[in-house]
Amino acid sequence: MASIFLELLTERWPVIAVGALTWLIFTIVQTLFSGATLSQIPIVGLEIGDEEKRRMAYLTSAKKLYTDGYLKFKDGIFRFTTSRTSPVVVAPPRFLGELQKLPDNVLSIGAAIDETMESKYTKIEAQLAIIPSTIKSALTPALVRLNPVIAAETKEAVDSELGRCQNWTELNINHKLLRIVAKVSGRIFIGPELCHSEDYLDAAINYTTDVVEAQQAVQMMKPWQRWLRAPFLPQVKKLNQRLVQADAFLRPVVNARRKAALQPGYEKPDDMLQWLMDSQAKFGQKDDKEYAKIQLILSFAAIHTTTLTATNAFYNLAAMPEVVAELREEVQAALDENNGTFTSSALQSMKKLDSFLKETLRFHPFSFASFQRKVLRQFTLSNGQVIPAGVTIEVPAYPVSFDPNIFPECDRFDPLRFYKLRQIARGANSTGTKAAEAAAQNQFVSVNQSSLTFGYGRHACPGRFFAANEIKMILSVALLGYDVKCAEGSEGRYTNLEFAHMSFPDSSKTLLFKSVA
């Protein structure tokens, strides 16, 4: 065998050599051309120092870099050094229309997420096609019929986690919300068999925090060190342990459902796990261990972002007691008009609560950038700017949200900002479909060039409709059941913590709760 290989190698070495040389020349030319193209894009933060200093500045003060670049190059492209492996190019929202039309083999959201999550080292597969497909085709259309189930689970979870607070009681609302959101999301994602299980709650909640810790641990390392050291980080090893744990408690439920389905008259559960099982063949899922992976990804996406938004909302409520009474009145009126039930109509009529939550997203986004895509093939923007392959392109969401030309008095938290904009839109357009469409641009779930928290275009967050209903129900139940204020000695609203492009409410803070008489 070895002699045959050597003989072939001897005969064909000229061809191999030419091929290798061609590949080398192509790679060098492509790299030089990309570098030359990239050099034409102005860079923000050069005054900070060398590349390593700029990378560390990104980890500690990315918000300032995004804002500086946006103000200096408002209608143009800029770049700065980040902790990502690939260079980052930032484009203003005016290019979103043409960017979102580019195919996935030119701009890839999956490749961008993999890089953000350091999937090369953490092994997180955030872009499994079965997840967005099932959310869009099964979960979102089911919300009308599932809202009563979600509401019942929300009421039970809030009551059990917050408890009876006859006097002002100090609670860590972030910790409570992690369990509340895990239970409510779990009821829909994983079903009634497991959503109250401490094994499930422990895995779902801790996987969320473990992912963030693993991601941050990798990004704190210099890029050239990661390939050797990152796989052995204890934070990365934890993620593998969570997968084993999730498979252990989920596999028996899957097997039990399959066995029960063989019995006559069996009624399938109406939840995400069952929908995933029903579409297993369609997406080529062969190993039941895939369910554990999918559920953990769902838990991370749902629990992480929903808890962040809800915690920010509670911190805002506590710092603005004058808002509580007005929102409580609206929630009660909406429920009274719907026989005390959280119907879709009731949720839609909570326009002030919707505005309060949207302003919370504007003022306290969980990312300073949006529409993050990896460029797989070079393309040219309408202004003639060439964007080379290999870079990540994104839009500066935070500076847009604080642009006074878009949002007057942008530095002031106005809980009714979007409520008033909806009223103005309806008044300006009088009646009919046009008025409804204009007003809808200012809803919590709306996606447009000035509301980028949920992304933009065909890959905008598909789960935002479920998340909106869930957060509204949690806030509504809490508003009707409790008064809330900041802990004694605190001054104003708690300041969020920042790391790279992310912003988090400080999970160590507490609030005071008292049951409404």
Protein backbone atom coordinates (compact mmCIF):
# COMPACT_ATOMS: atom_id res chain seq x y z
CA MET A 1 0.00 0.00 0.00
CA ALA A 2 2.82 2.39 0.94
CA SER A 3 4.72 1.59 -2.29
CA ILE A 4 1.61 2.34 -4.39
CA PHE A 5 1.17 5.66 -2.59
CA LEU A 6 4.83 6.57 -3.17
CA GLU A 7 4.55 5.64 -6.83
CA LEU A 8 1.48 7.81 -7.32
CA LEU A 9 3.12 10.65 -5.45
CA THR A 10 6.24 10.39 -7.65
CA GLU A 11 4.18 10.37 -10.84
CA ARG A 12 1.84 13.22 -9.86
CA TRP A 13 4.01 15.47 -7.76
CA PRO A 14 4.17 18.16 -10.46
CA VAL A 15 0.36 18.37 -10.52
CA ILE A 16 0.20 18.41 -6.72
CA ALA A 17 2.89 21.05 -6.53
CA VAL A 18 1.11 23.28 -9.07
CA GLY A 19 -2.18 22.86 -7.23
CA ALA A 20 -0.60 23.71 -3.88
CA LEU A 21 1.17 26.72 -5.37
CA THR A 22 -2.07 27.95 -6.98
CA TRP A 23 -3.93 27.62 -3.68
CA LEU A 24 -1.13 29.47 -1.86
CA ILE A 25 -1.09 32.31 -4.38
CA PHE A 26 -4.90 32.57 -4.30
CA THR A 27 -4.90 32.70 -0.50
CA ILE A 28 -2.19 35.35 -0.38
CA VAL A 29 -3.90 37.50 -3.04
CA GLN A 30 -7.29 37.14 -1.33
CA THR A 31 -5.80 38.08 2.05
CA LEU A 32 -3.92 41.06 0.62
CA PHE A 33 -6.98 42.25 -1.30
CA SER A 34 -9.26 41.87 1.73
CA GLY A 35 -6.74 43.69 3.87
CA ALA A 36 -6.45 46.48 1.33
CA THR A 37 -10.24 46.76 1.11
CA LEU A 38 -10.56 46.74 4.89
CA SER A 39 -7.90 49.43 5.23
CA GLN A 40 -10.18 51.80 3.34
CA ILE A 41 -12.71 51.62 6.18
CA PRO A 42 -11.91 54.10 9.00
CA ILE A 43 -11.15 52.60 12.40
CA VAL A 44 -12.43 53.99 15.69
CA GLY A 45 -10.29 53.95 18.85
CA LEU A 46 -6.78 54.20 17.41
CA GLU A 47 -5.92 56.72 20.11
CA ILE A 48 -6.34 53.96 22.73
CA GLY A 49 -3.14 52.25 21.66
CA ASP A 50 -2.07 48.96 20.08
CA GLU A 51 -4.42 46.13 19.08
CA GLU A 52 -4.37 44.42 22.49
CA LYS A 53 -5.22 47.66 24.30
CA ARG A 54 -8.06 48.30 21.86
CA ARG A 55 -9.36 44.74 22.37
CA MET A 56 -9.43 45.22 26.15
CA ALA A 57 -11.12 48.61 25.68
CA TYR A 58 -13.84 46.85 23.69
CA LEU A 59 -14.42 44.38 26.54
CA THR A 60 -14.81 47.17 29.09
CA SER A 61 -16.28 50.11 27.13
CA ALA A 62 -17.81 48.90 23.86
CA LYS A 63 -20.80 51.21 24.29
CA LYS A 64 -18.54 54.25 23.99
CA LEU A 65 -16.85 52.85 20.88
CA TYR A 66 -20.18 52.22 19.15
CA THR A 67 -21.40 55.70 20.11
CA ASP A 68 -18.18 57.44 19.04
CA GLY A 69 -18.20 55.67 15.69
CA TYR A 70 -21.89 56.38 15.08
CA LEU A 71 -21.52 60.07 15.85
CA LYS A 72 -18.39 60.46 13.73
CA PHE A 73 -19.48 58.31 10.78
CA LYS A 74 -23.26 58.46 11.14
CA ASP A 75 -24.08 57.69 7.51
CA GLY A 76 -20.95 55.72 6.74
CA ILE A 77 -19.07 52.53 7.59
CA PHE A 78 -16.51 52.23 10.38
CA ARG A 79 -14.70 49.49 12.26
CA PHE A 80 -12.97 48.89 15.57
CA THR A 81 -11.02 46.16 17.33
CA THR A 82 -13.12 43.61 19.23
CA SER A 83 -12.65 40.26 20.94
CA ARG A 84 -13.98 38.45 17.86
CA THR A 85 -11.67 36.42 15.67
CA SER A 86 -12.78 38.25 12.54
CA PRO A 87 -12.64 42.02 11.98
CA VAL A 88 -15.89 43.88 12.74
CA VAL A 89 -17.41 46.41 10.35
CA VAL A 90 -20.28 48.61 11.56
CA ALA A 91 -22.88 49.92 9.10
CA PRO A 92 -25.62 52.53 9.74
CA PRO A 93 -29.30 51.45 9.63
CA ARG A 94 -29.79 53.06 6.21
CA PHE A 95 -28.11 50.00 4.65
CA LEU A 96 -30.42 47.47 6.35
CA GLY A 97 -32.82 47.36 3.43
CA GLU A 98 -30.15 46.12 1.02
CA LEU A 99 -28.27 44.02 3.59
CA GLN A 100 -31.32 41.98 4.55
CA LYS A 101 -31.90 41.08 0.90
CA LEU A 102 -28.52 39.36 0.57
CA PRO A 103 -28.68 35.53 0.65
CA ASP A 104 -27.36 33.44 3.54
CA ASN A 105 -24.37 32.32 1.49
CA VAL A 106 -23.24 35.97 1.41
CA LEU A 107 -24.29 37.13 4.88
CA SER A 108 -24.59 34.36 7.47
CA ILE A 109 -26.31 34.84 10.82
CA GLY A 110 -25.33 31.30 11.80
CA ALA A 111 -21.62 31.89 11.30
CA ALA A 112 -21.87 35.18 13.22
CA ILE A 113 -23.62 33.52 16.17
CA ASP A 114 -21.10 30.69 16.20
CA GLU A 115 -18.31 33.23 16.45
CA THR A 116 -20.10 35.27 19.13
CA MET A 117 -20.78 32.15 21.20
CA GLU A 118 -17.25 30.88 20.57
CA SER A 119 -18.89 27.68 19.28
CA LYS A 120 -15.55 26.41 18.00
CA TYR A 121 -14.60 25.88 21.64
CA THR A 122 -17.92 25.77 23.53
CA LYS A 123 -19.53 23.41 20.94
CA ILE A 124 -22.83 25.30 21.19
CA GLU A 125 -24.95 24.69 18.08
CA ALA A 126 -27.22 27.71 18.30
CA GLN A 127 -28.36 27.52 14.67
CA LEU A 128 -30.25 24.25 14.42
CA ALA A 129 -32.85 24.64 11.64
CA ILE A 130 -35.44 22.67 13.58
CA ILE A 131 -35.68 25.39 16.27
CA PRO A 132 -36.71 28.51 14.28
CA SER A 133 -38.82 26.36 11.98
CA THR A 134 -40.80 24.87 14.88
CA ILE A 135 -41.18 28.25 16.59
CA LYS A 136 -42.52 29.86 13.43
CA SER A 137 -44.73 27.01 12.23
CA ALA A 138 -46.01 25.66 15.57
CA LEU A 139 -45.37 27.89 18.59
CA THR A 140 -46.36 31.35 17.33
CA PRO A 141 -49.62 30.18 15.66
CA ALA A 142 -50.48 28.27 18.88
CA LEU A 143 -50.23 31.27 21.21
CA VAL A 144 -53.93 32.11 21.00
CA ARG A 145 -54.90 28.69 22.32
CA LEU A 146 -51.90 28.39 24.68
CA ASN A 147 -52.26 31.78 26.39
CA PRO A 148 -54.53 30.36 29.14
CA VAL A 149 -51.96 27.62 29.83
CA ILE A 150 -49.13 30.18 29.94
CA ALA A 151 -51.20 32.45 32.21
CA ALA A 152 -52.02 29.67 34.68
CA GLU A 153 -48.36 28.65 34.88
CA THR A 154 -47.33 32.29 35.30
CA LYS A 155 -49.77 32.88 38.17
CA GLU A 156 -48.63 29.73 39.96
CA ALA A 157 -44.93 30.51 39.42
CA VAL A 158 -45.15 34.15 40.57
CA ASP A 159 -47.20 33.24 43.64
CA SER A 160 -44.86 30.42 44.66
CA GLU A 161 -41.62 32.32 44.03
CA LEU A 162 -42.55 35.75 45.42
CA GLY A 163 -44.82 34.40 48.16
CA ARG A 164 -47.03 36.35 50.55
CA CYS A 165 -45.27 39.57 51.50
CA GLN A 166 -47.47 40.96 54.27
CA ASN A 167 -44.78 43.49 55.12
CA TRP A 168 -42.10 44.97 52.87
CA THR A 169 -39.94 41.95 51.99
CA GLU A 170 -36.50 42.09 50.40
CA LEU A 171 -36.19 39.77 47.38
CA ASN A 172 -33.59 39.18 44.69
CA ILE A 173 -35.94 39.56 41.74
CA ASN A 174 -33.40 38.35 39.19
CA HIS A 175 -33.01 35.02 41.00
CA LYS A 176 -36.78 34.73 41.37
CA LEU A 177 -37.35 35.55 37.71
CA LEU A 178 -34.91 32.88 36.58
CA ARG A 179 -37.12 30.27 38.24
CA ILE A 180 -40.37 31.92 37.14
CA VAL A 181 -39.30 32.19 33.51
CA ALA A 182 -37.82 28.67 33.56
CA LYS A 183 -41.10 27.24 34.84
CA VAL A 184 -43.31 29.18 32.42
CA SER A 185 -41.06 28.61 29.40
CA GLY A 186 -40.56 25.00 30.44
CA ARG A 187 -44.32 24.38 30.52
CA ILE A 188 -44.42 25.18 26.80
CA PHE A 189 -40.98 23.93 25.78
CA ILE A 190 -40.58 20.72 27.74
CA GLY A 191 -44.11 19.93 28.96
CA PRO A 192 -45.94 19.41 32.27
CA GLU A 193 -43.94 16.30 33.19
CA LEU A 194 -40.71 18.22 33.80
CA CYS A 195 -41.34 21.99 34.01
CA HIS A 196 -41.45 21.88 37.85
CA SER A 197 -38.68 19.32 38.20
CA GLU A 198 -35.69 20.65 40.14
CA ASP A 199 -33.40 18.66 37.83
CA TYR A 200 -34.82 20.52 34.83
CA LEU A 201 -34.82 23.91 36.58
CA ASP A 202 -31.23 23.47 37.73
CA ALA A 203 -30.02 22.49 34.24
CA ALA A 204 -32.00 25.16 32.39
CA ILE A 205 -31.09 28.03 34.71
CA ASN A 206 -27.46 27.11 35.21
CA TYR A 207 -26.90 26.32 31.54
CA THR A 208 -27.86 29.91 30.81
CA THR A 209 -25.29 31.30 33.22
CA ASP A 210 -22.72 28.66 32.23
CA VAL A 211 -22.94 29.66 28.56
CA VAL A 212 -22.29 33.31 29.39
CA GLU A 213 -19.40 32.40 31.70
CA ALA A 214 -17.83 30.09 29.09
CA GLN A 215 -18.23 32.71 26.35
CA GLN A 216 -16.64 35.41 28.51
CA ALA A 217 -13.83 33.10 29.66
CA VAL A 218 -12.88 32.34 26.04
CA GLN A 219 -13.09 35.98 24.97
CA MET A 220 -10.86 37.09 27.83
CA MET A 221 -8.08 35.00 26.27
CA LYS A 222 -5.97 36.31 23.43
CA PRO A 223 -7.22 34.87 20.10
CA TRP A 224 -4.01 32.96 19.36
CA GLN A 225 -4.23 31.16 22.74
CA ARG A 226 -7.78 29.89 22.34
CA TRP A 227 -7.21 26.88 20.07
CA LEU A 228 -4.93 25.28 22.64
CA ARG A 229 -6.35 26.32 26.01
CA ALA A 230 -10.06 27.08 25.52
CA PRO A 231 -11.33 23.46 25.27
CA PHE A 232 -9.86 22.75 28.71
CA LEU A 233 -11.38 25.72 30.50
CA PRO A 234 -13.57 24.56 33.44
CA GLN A 235 -16.36 26.86 32.18
CA VAL A 236 -16.36 25.03 28.83
CA LYS A 237 -16.31 21.58 30.46
CA LYS A 238 -19.43 22.54 32.47
CA LEU A 239 -21.43 22.85 29.26
CA ASN A 240 -20.71 19.21 28.38
CA GLN A 241 -21.84 18.13 31.83
CA ARG A 242 -25.14 20.00 31.42
CA LEU A 243 -25.84 18.13 28.18
CA VAL A 244 -25.36 14.77 29.91
CA GLN A 245 -27.65 15.85 32.77
CA ALA A 246 -30.37 17.10 30.42
CA ASP A 247 -30.33 13.88 28.42
CA ALA A 248 -30.70 11.86 31.63
CA PHE A 249 -34.00 13.48 32.66
CA LEU A 250 -35.42 14.12 29.19
CA ARG A 251 -34.91 10.75 27.49
CA PRO A 252 -37.35 8.86 29.81
CA VAL A 253 -40.10 11.40 29.01
CA VAL A 254 -39.53 10.98 25.27
CA ASN A 255 -39.66 7.20 25.60
CA ALA A 256 -42.80 7.36 27.75
CA ARG A 257 -44.57 9.54 25.19
CA ARG A 258 -43.65 7.19 22.36
CA LYS A 259 -44.99 4.23 24.33
CA ALA A 260 -48.22 6.05 25.24
CA ALA A 261 -48.75 7.04 21.60
CA LEU A 262 -49.22 3.36 20.76
CA GLN A 263 -52.35 3.20 22.90
CA PRO A 264 -55.74 3.90 21.29
CA GLY A 265 -57.25 7.29 22.10
CA TYR A 266 -53.91 8.81 23.10
CA GLU A 267 -53.98 12.61 22.95
CA LYS A 268 -50.61 14.14 22.20
CA PRO A 269 -49.34 16.89 24.51
CA ASP A 270 -49.54 20.38 23.02
CA ASP A 271 -45.98 21.58 23.60
CA MET A 272 -42.63 22.16 21.94
CA LEU A 273 -41.19 18.78 22.87
CA GLN A 274 -44.04 16.99 21.11
CA TRP A 275 -43.79 19.22 18.04
CA LEU A 276 -40.08 18.45 17.88
CA MET A 277 -40.75 14.72 18.17
CA ASP A 278 -43.33 14.93 15.38
CA SER A 279 -40.85 16.67 13.06
CA GLN A 280 -37.86 14.49 13.98
CA ALA A 281 -37.77 12.67 10.64
CA LYS A 282 -38.21 15.87 8.63
CA PHE A 283 -35.02 17.36 10.08
CA GLY A 284 -33.03 14.16 10.16
CA GLN A 285 -32.79 13.94 13.95
CA LYS A 286 -31.63 10.36 14.60
CA ASP A 287 -30.36 10.39 18.17
CA ASP A 288 -32.68 11.29 21.04
CA LYS A 289 -29.76 13.09 22.65
CA GLU A 290 -30.51 15.85 20.15
CA TYR A 291 -33.62 16.73 22.20
CA ALA A 292 -31.44 17.56 25.19
CA LYS A 293 -29.25 19.80 23.04
CA ILE A 294 -32.28 21.55 21.54
CA GLN A 295 -33.95 22.08 24.90
CA LEU A 296 -30.80 23.56 26.41
CA ILE A 297 -30.48 25.97 23.48
CA LEU A 298 -34.15 26.91 23.88
CA SER A 299 -33.62 27.41 27.60
CA PHE A 300 -30.64 29.66 26.98
CA ALA A 301 -32.43 31.74 24.36
CA ALA A 302 -35.70 32.05 26.27
CA ILE A 303 -34.60 32.20 29.90
CA HIS A 304 -31.58 34.43 29.35
CA THR A 305 -33.17 37.20 27.28
CA THR A 306 -36.60 37.07 28.92
CA THR A 307 -35.16 37.25 32.41
CA LEU A 308 -32.87 40.13 31.44
CA THR A 309 -35.79 42.12 30.04
CA ALA A 310 -38.10 41.34 32.96
CA THR A 311 -35.40 42.20 35.53
CA ASN A 312 -34.76 45.52 33.79
CA ALA A 313 -38.52 46.16 33.83
CA PHE A 314 -38.79 45.46 37.57
CA TYR A 315 -35.82 47.72 38.29
CA ASN A 316 -37.57 50.46 36.32
CA LEU A 317 -40.87 49.90 38.14
CA ALA A 318 -39.16 50.10 41.52
CA ALA A 319 -37.46 53.37 40.59
CA MET A 320 -40.69 54.87 39.18
CA PRO A 321 -43.48 54.17 41.69
CA GLU A 322 -45.71 56.75 39.99
CA VAL A 323 -45.96 54.41 36.96
CA VAL A 324 -47.15 51.38 38.93
CA ALA A 325 -50.69 52.67 39.59
CA GLU A 326 -51.31 53.61 35.95
CA LEU A 327 -50.09 50.28 34.59
CA ARG A 328 -52.00 48.35 37.25
CA GLU A 329 -55.21 50.15 36.30
CA GLU A 330 -54.73 49.30 32.63
CA VAL A 331 -54.00 45.62 33.34
CA GLN A 332 -57.07 45.30 35.56
CA ALA A 333 -59.30 46.97 32.98
CA ALA A 334 -58.00 44.70 30.20
CA LEU A 335 -58.69 41.58 32.26
CA ASP A 336 -62.15 42.81 33.34
CA GLU A 337 -63.09 43.20 29.68
CA ASN A 338 -62.00 39.59 29.01
CA ASN A 339 -63.62 37.78 31.95
CA GLY A 340 -60.41 37.87 33.95
CA THR A 341 -58.54 35.86 31.30
CA PHE A 342 -55.24 36.65 29.57
CA THR A 343 -56.65 36.36 26.08
CA SER A 344 -54.81 37.71 23.05
CA SER A 345 -57.29 40.58 23.05
CA ALA A 346 -56.50 41.39 26.70
CA LEU A 347 -52.76 41.39 26.05
CA GLN A 348 -53.13 43.56 22.96
CA SER A 349 -55.17 46.13 24.87
CA MET A 350 -52.36 46.62 27.41
CA LYS A 351 -50.83 49.37 25.27
CA LYS A 352 -49.25 51.30 28.14
CA LEU A 353 -47.59 48.18 29.52
CA ASP A 354 -46.43 47.38 26.00
CA SER A 355 -44.92 50.88 25.74
CA PHE A 356 -43.24 50.57 29.14
CA LEU A 357 -41.59 47.32 28.06
CA LYS A 358 -40.50 48.70 24.69
CA GLU A 359 -38.96 51.75 26.38
CA THR A 360 -37.19 49.33 28.73
CA LEU A 361 -35.67 47.61 25.69
CA ARG A 362 -34.68 50.96 24.18
CA PHE A 363 -33.09 52.26 27.35
CA HIS A 364 -31.58 48.99 28.56
CA PRO A 365 -30.78 46.80 25.52
CA PHE A 366 -29.01 43.50 26.15
CA SER A 367 -26.72 44.18 23.17
CA PHE A 368 -25.26 47.41 21.83
CA ALA A 369 -25.25 46.00 18.29
CA SER A 370 -27.78 44.21 16.11
CA PHE A 371 -28.04 42.42 12.76
CA GLN A 372 -24.70 40.68 13.28
CA ARG A 373 -23.74 38.72 10.16
CA LYS A 374 -20.56 37.00 9.02
CA VAL A 375 -19.60 37.98 5.47
CA LEU A 376 -18.94 34.78 3.51
CA ARG A 377 -18.61 36.40 0.10
CA GLN A 378 -17.45 39.88 -0.80
CA PHE A 379 -20.16 42.34 -1.85
CA THR A 380 -20.52 46.05 -2.60
CA LEU A 381 -22.94 48.44 -0.90
CA SER A 382 -25.00 50.97 -2.83
CA ASN A 383 -22.53 53.74 -1.92
CA GLY A 384 -19.70 51.81 -3.62
CA GLN A 385 -18.13 50.58 -0.38
CA VAL A 386 -16.68 47.07 -0.81
CA ILE A 387 -17.22 44.73 2.17
CA PRO A 388 -14.66 41.91 2.02
CA ALA A 389 -15.28 38.29 2.93
CA GLY A 390 -14.22 37.22 6.39
CA VAL A 391 -15.46 40.22 8.35
CA THR A 392 -18.49 40.47 10.63
CA ILE A 393 -20.91 43.27 9.77
CA GLU A 394 -23.39 44.70 12.28
CA VAL A 395 -25.57 47.73 13.01
CA PRO A 396 -25.03 49.99 16.06
CA ALA A 397 -28.35 49.50 17.87
CA TYR A 398 -27.52 51.42 21.05
CA PRO A 399 -26.50 54.72 19.38
CA VAL A 400 -29.61 54.53 17.19
CA SER A 401 -31.80 54.18 20.29
CA PHE A 402 -30.17 57.26 21.79
CA ASP A 403 -30.19 59.41 18.67
CA PRO A 404 -32.13 62.62 19.52
CA ASN A 405 -33.15 62.97 15.88
CA ILE A 406 -35.00 59.65 16.17
CA PHE A 407 -36.12 59.78 19.81
CA PRO A 408 -36.57 63.30 21.24
CA GLU A 409 -35.39 63.57 24.86
CA CYS A 410 -33.61 60.29 24.25
CA ASP A 411 -31.78 60.41 27.60
CA ARG A 412 -35.06 60.41 29.53
CA PHE A 413 -36.90 57.18 30.30
CA ASP A 414 -40.47 57.84 29.17
CA PRO A 415 -42.67 54.82 29.99
CA LEU A 416 -45.43 56.06 27.66
CA ARG A 417 -43.14 57.09 24.79
CA PHE A 418 -44.33 54.40 22.39
CA TYR A 419 -47.92 54.55 23.62
CA LYS A 420 -48.01 58.22 22.60
CA LEU A 421 -46.32 57.42 19.28
CA ARG A 422 -49.00 54.82 18.56
CA GLN A 423 -51.71 57.37 19.35
CA ILE A 424 -50.05 59.94 17.09
CA ALA A 425 -49.68 57.39 14.28
CA ARG A 426 -53.35 56.49 14.44
CA GLY A 427 -54.38 60.14 14.52
CA ALA A 428 -52.17 61.08 11.59
CA ASN A 429 -53.43 58.21 9.46
CA SER A 430 -57.04 58.49 10.64
CA THR A 431 -58.52 55.01 10.23
CA GLY A 432 -58.08 51.75 8.39
CA THR A 433 -55.19 49.45 7.61
CA LYS A 434 -52.66 52.25 7.13
CA ALA A 435 -53.31 53.59 10.64
CA ALA A 436 -52.99 50.14 12.18
CA GLU A 437 -49.72 49.46 10.34
CA ALA A 438 -48.25 52.81 11.40
CA ALA A 439 -49.21 52.22 15.02
CA ALA A 440 -47.84 48.67 14.92
CA GLN A 441 -44.34 50.02 14.21
CA ASN A 442 -44.22 51.13 17.86
CA GLN A 443 -45.24 47.84 19.48
CA PHE A 444 -42.94 45.88 21.77
CA VAL A 445 -42.42 43.16 19.16
CA SER A 446 -42.02 45.50 16.19
CA VAL A 447 -38.82 45.36 14.15
CA ASN A 448 -37.66 48.34 12.13
CA GLN A 449 -34.58 50.51 11.55
CA SER A 450 -35.04 52.31 14.88
CA SER A 451 -36.09 49.24 16.89
CA LEU A 452 -33.35 46.67 16.50
CA THR A 453 -33.36 44.70 19.76
CA PHE A 454 -34.98 41.69 18.10
CA GLY A 455 -32.87 41.94 14.96
CA TYR A 456 -34.08 42.80 11.49
CA GLY A 457 -35.26 41.08 8.33
CA ARG A 458 -36.10 37.44 7.78
CA HIS A 459 -33.91 36.29 10.68
CA ALA A 460 -35.47 38.60 13.28
CA CYS A 461 -36.05 36.74 16.56
CA PRO A 462 -38.89 34.27 15.87
CA GLY A 463 -39.61 33.75 19.58
CA ARG A 464 -40.31 37.40 20.39
CA PHE A 465 -44.09 36.93 20.26
CA PHE A 466 -44.01 34.19 22.89
CA ALA A 467 -41.54 36.21 24.97
CA ALA A 468 -43.76 39.31 24.78
CA ASN A 469 -46.81 37.42 26.05
CA GLU A 470 -44.79 35.76 28.81
CA ILE A 471 -43.22 39.01 30.06
CA LYS A 472 -46.53 40.86 29.96
CA MET A 473 -48.20 38.13 32.00
CA ILE A 474 -45.39 38.09 34.58
CA LEU A 475 -45.48 41.89 34.97
CA SER A 476 -49.29 41.91 35.05
CA VAL A 477 -49.56 39.28 37.78
CA ALA A 478 -46.89 41.08 39.81
CA LEU A 479 -48.53 44.49 39.34
CA LEU A 480 -51.90 43.21 40.54
CA GLY A 481 -50.39 41.34 43.47
CA TYR A 482 -47.57 43.53 44.77
CA ASP A 483 -46.24 47.00 45.36
CA VAL A 484 -42.53 47.29 44.62
CA LYS A 485 -39.78 49.75 45.49
CA CYS A 486 -35.99 49.93 45.59
CA ALA A 487 -34.14 48.59 48.62
CA GLU A 488 -33.49 50.94 51.51
CA GLY A 489 -30.46 53.15 50.95
CA SER A 490 -30.39 52.83 47.17
CA GLU A 491 -30.38 55.96 45.06
CA GLY A 492 -32.41 55.73 41.89
CA ARG A 493 -32.43 52.94 39.36
CA TYR A 494 -29.70 50.31 39.60
CA THR A 495 -26.93 50.68 37.02
CA ASN A 496 -26.50 47.87 34.51
CA LEU A 497 -23.24 45.95 34.12
CA GLU A 498 -21.49 45.81 30.75
CA PHE A 499 -19.16 43.33 29.08
CA ALA A 500 -18.12 43.75 25.45
CA HIS A 501 -21.30 44.39 23.41
CA MET A 502 -23.59 43.05 26.16
CA SER A 503 -25.47 44.77 28.99
CA PHE A 504 -26.88 43.01 32.07
CA PRO A 505 -29.00 44.17 35.00
CA ASP A 506 -26.98 43.70 38.19
CA SER A 507 -28.22 40.33 39.47
CA SER A 508 -26.89 40.98 42.98
CA LYS A 509 -29.41 43.76 43.68
CA THR A 510 -32.62 43.35 45.68
CA LEU A 511 -36.04 45.01 45.63
CA LEU A 512 -38.73 45.40 48.29
CA PHE A 513 -42.12 43.76 47.68
CA LYS A 514 -45.37 44.06 49.59
CA SER A 515 -48.60 42.27 48.79
CA VAL A 516 -51.45 44.52 47.69
CA ALA A 517 -54.17 44.52 50.34
